[in-house]
Amino acid sequence: MNAFVGVREQLLTQEQLKELLQSTSNQPNYYFLRWPHKVSGIVEELPEEFPSPEGQMFNGDRELRWKQQK
């Protein structure tokens, strides 16, 4: 297994983040989203209220996390 940790210098727009999450793999993806007042639990589809201030997408080979910068 090759591990990689990266940070993106330029912030993504909401649309760019959604496109990135949906284009990362042809495997089933799972999402765990966090808001100040709730968490989504593990879900297979991005909810209507996406984006969340922070969350993660994962599948059998990768994980991608995001956190909103203030």
C-alpha atoms as a PDB file:
ATOM      1  CA  MET A   1       0.000   0.000   0.000  1.00  0.00           C
ATOM      2  CA  ASN A   2       1.301   3.448  -0.897  1.00  0.00           C
ATOM      3  CA  ALA A   3       0.225   6.224   1.436  1.00  0.00           C
ATOM      4  CA  PHE A   4      -0.019   9.832   0.358  1.00  0.00           C
ATOM      5  CA  VAL A   5      -0.981  12.897   2.322  1.00  0.00           C
ATOM      6  CA  GLY A   6      -1.480  16.178   0.524  1.00  0.00           C
ATOM      7  CA  VAL A   7      -2.873  19.612   1.122  1.00  0.00           C
ATOM      8  CA  ARG A   8      -4.232  21.758  -1.629  1.00  0.00           C
ATOM      9  CA  GLU A   9      -2.896  25.315  -1.657  1.00  0.00           C
ATOM     10  CA  GLN A  10      -5.803  26.776  -3.620  1.00  0.00           C
ATOM     11  CA  LEU A  11      -9.239  26.359  -2.058  1.00  0.00           C
ATOM     12  CA  LEU A  12     -11.923  24.529  -4.026  1.00  0.00           C
ATOM     13  CA  THR A  13     -15.376  25.871  -4.745  1.00  0.00           C
ATOM     14  CA  GLN A  14     -18.375  23.809  -3.649  1.00  0.00           C
ATOM     15  CA  GLU A  15     -18.862  22.588  -7.228  1.00  0.00           C
ATOM     16  CA  GLN A  16     -15.182  21.640  -7.610  1.00  0.00           C
ATOM     17  CA  LEU A  17     -15.296  19.639  -4.370  1.00  0.00           C
ATOM     18  CA  LYS A  18     -18.434  17.804  -5.502  1.00  0.00           C
ATOM     19  CA  GLU A  19     -16.870  17.016  -8.902  1.00  0.00           C
ATOM     20  CA  LEU A  20     -13.684  15.749  -7.221  1.00  0.00           C
ATOM     21  CA  LEU A  21     -15.624  13.486  -4.870  1.00  0.00           C
ATOM     22  CA  GLN A  22     -17.740  12.043  -7.672  1.00  0.00           C
ATOM     23  CA  SER A  23     -14.820  11.428 -10.050  1.00  0.00           C
ATOM     24  CA  THR A  24     -12.325   9.709  -7.741  1.00  0.00           C
ATOM     25  CA  SER A  25     -13.179   6.056  -8.310  1.00  0.00           C
ATOM     26  CA  ASN A  26     -15.421   3.610 -10.064  1.00  0.00           C
ATOM     27  CA  GLN A  27     -15.825   1.673  -6.792  1.00  0.00           C
ATOM     28  CA  PRO A  28     -18.748   2.331  -4.460  1.00  0.00           C
ATOM     29  CA  ASN A  29     -17.933   5.392  -2.372  1.00  0.00           C
ATOM     30  CA  TYR A  30     -19.118   6.107   1.146  1.00  0.00           C
ATOM     31  CA  TYR A  31     -19.401   9.515   2.773  1.00  0.00           C
ATOM     32  CA  PHE A  32     -19.377  10.767   6.343  1.00  0.00           C
ATOM     33  CA  LEU A  33     -20.300  14.448   6.618  1.00  0.00           C
ATOM     34  CA  ARG A  34     -20.109  16.751   9.635  1.00  0.00           C
ATOM     35  CA  TRP A  35     -22.006  19.958  10.425  1.00  0.00           C
ATOM     36  CA  PRO A  36     -21.865  21.897  13.710  1.00  0.00           C
ATOM     37  CA  HIS A  37     -25.289  20.510  14.728  1.00  0.00           C
ATOM     38  CA  LYS A  38     -25.229  16.946  13.289  1.00  0.00           C
ATOM     39  CA  VAL A  39     -23.379  14.208  11.412  1.00  0.00           C
ATOM     40  CA  SER A  40     -24.678  12.249   8.438  1.00  0.00           C
ATOM     41  CA  GLY A  41     -23.568   8.800   9.490  1.00  0.00           C
ATOM     42  CA  ILE A  42     -22.112   6.658   6.712  1.00  0.00           C
ATOM     43  CA  VAL A  43     -24.096   7.233   3.503  1.00  0.00           C
ATOM     44  CA  GLU A  44     -23.653   6.029  -0.089  1.00  0.00           C
ATOM     45  CA  GLU A  45     -24.892   9.218  -1.799  1.00  0.00           C
ATOM     46  CA  LEU A  46     -24.076  12.861  -1.187  1.00  0.00           C
ATOM     47  CA  PRO A  47     -27.098  14.386   0.562  1.00  0.00           C
ATOM     48  CA  GLU A  48     -29.070  17.369  -0.770  1.00  0.00           C
ATOM     49  CA  GLU A  49     -27.563  19.598   1.914  1.00  0.00           C
ATOM     50  CA  PHE A  50     -24.024  19.050   0.616  1.00  0.00           C
ATOM     51  CA  PRO A  51     -21.468  20.530   1.139  1.00  0.00           C
ATOM     52  CA  SER A  52     -20.745  20.149   4.798  1.00  0.00           C
ATOM     53  CA  PRO A  53     -18.027  22.133   6.582  1.00  0.00           C
ATOM     54  CA  GLU A  54     -16.021  18.938   6.938  1.00  0.00           C
ATOM     55  CA  GLY A  55     -16.248  15.307   6.005  1.00  0.00           C
ATOM     56  CA  GLN A  56     -14.684  12.386   4.245  1.00  0.00           C
ATOM     57  CA  MET A  57     -15.205  10.126   1.260  1.00  0.00           C
ATOM     58  CA  PHE A  58     -13.773   6.627   1.334  1.00  0.00           C
ATOM     59  CA  ASN A  59     -13.847   3.320  -0.514  1.00  0.00           C
ATOM     60  CA  GLY A  60     -11.763   0.136  -0.705  1.00  0.00           C
ATOM     61  CA  ASP A  61      -8.649   1.942  -1.864  1.00  0.00           C
ATOM     62  CA  ARG A  62      -8.674   5.533  -0.827  1.00  0.00           C
ATOM     63  CA  GLU A  63      -9.884   8.185   1.535  1.00  0.00           C
ATOM     64  CA  LEU A  64     -10.325  11.884   0.927  1.00  0.00           C
ATOM     65  CA  ARG A  65     -11.029  14.373   3.718  1.00  0.00           C
ATOM     66  CA  TRP A  66     -11.969  18.024   3.584  1.00  0.00           C
ATOM     67  CA  LYS A  67     -12.359  20.804   6.113  1.00  0.00           C
ATOM     68  CA  GLN A  68     -13.663  24.293   5.452  1.00  0.00           C
ATOM     69  CA  GLN A  69     -11.105  27.044   6.042  1.00  0.00           C
ATOM     70  CA  LYS A  70     -12.204  30.195   7.817  1.00  0.00           C
END
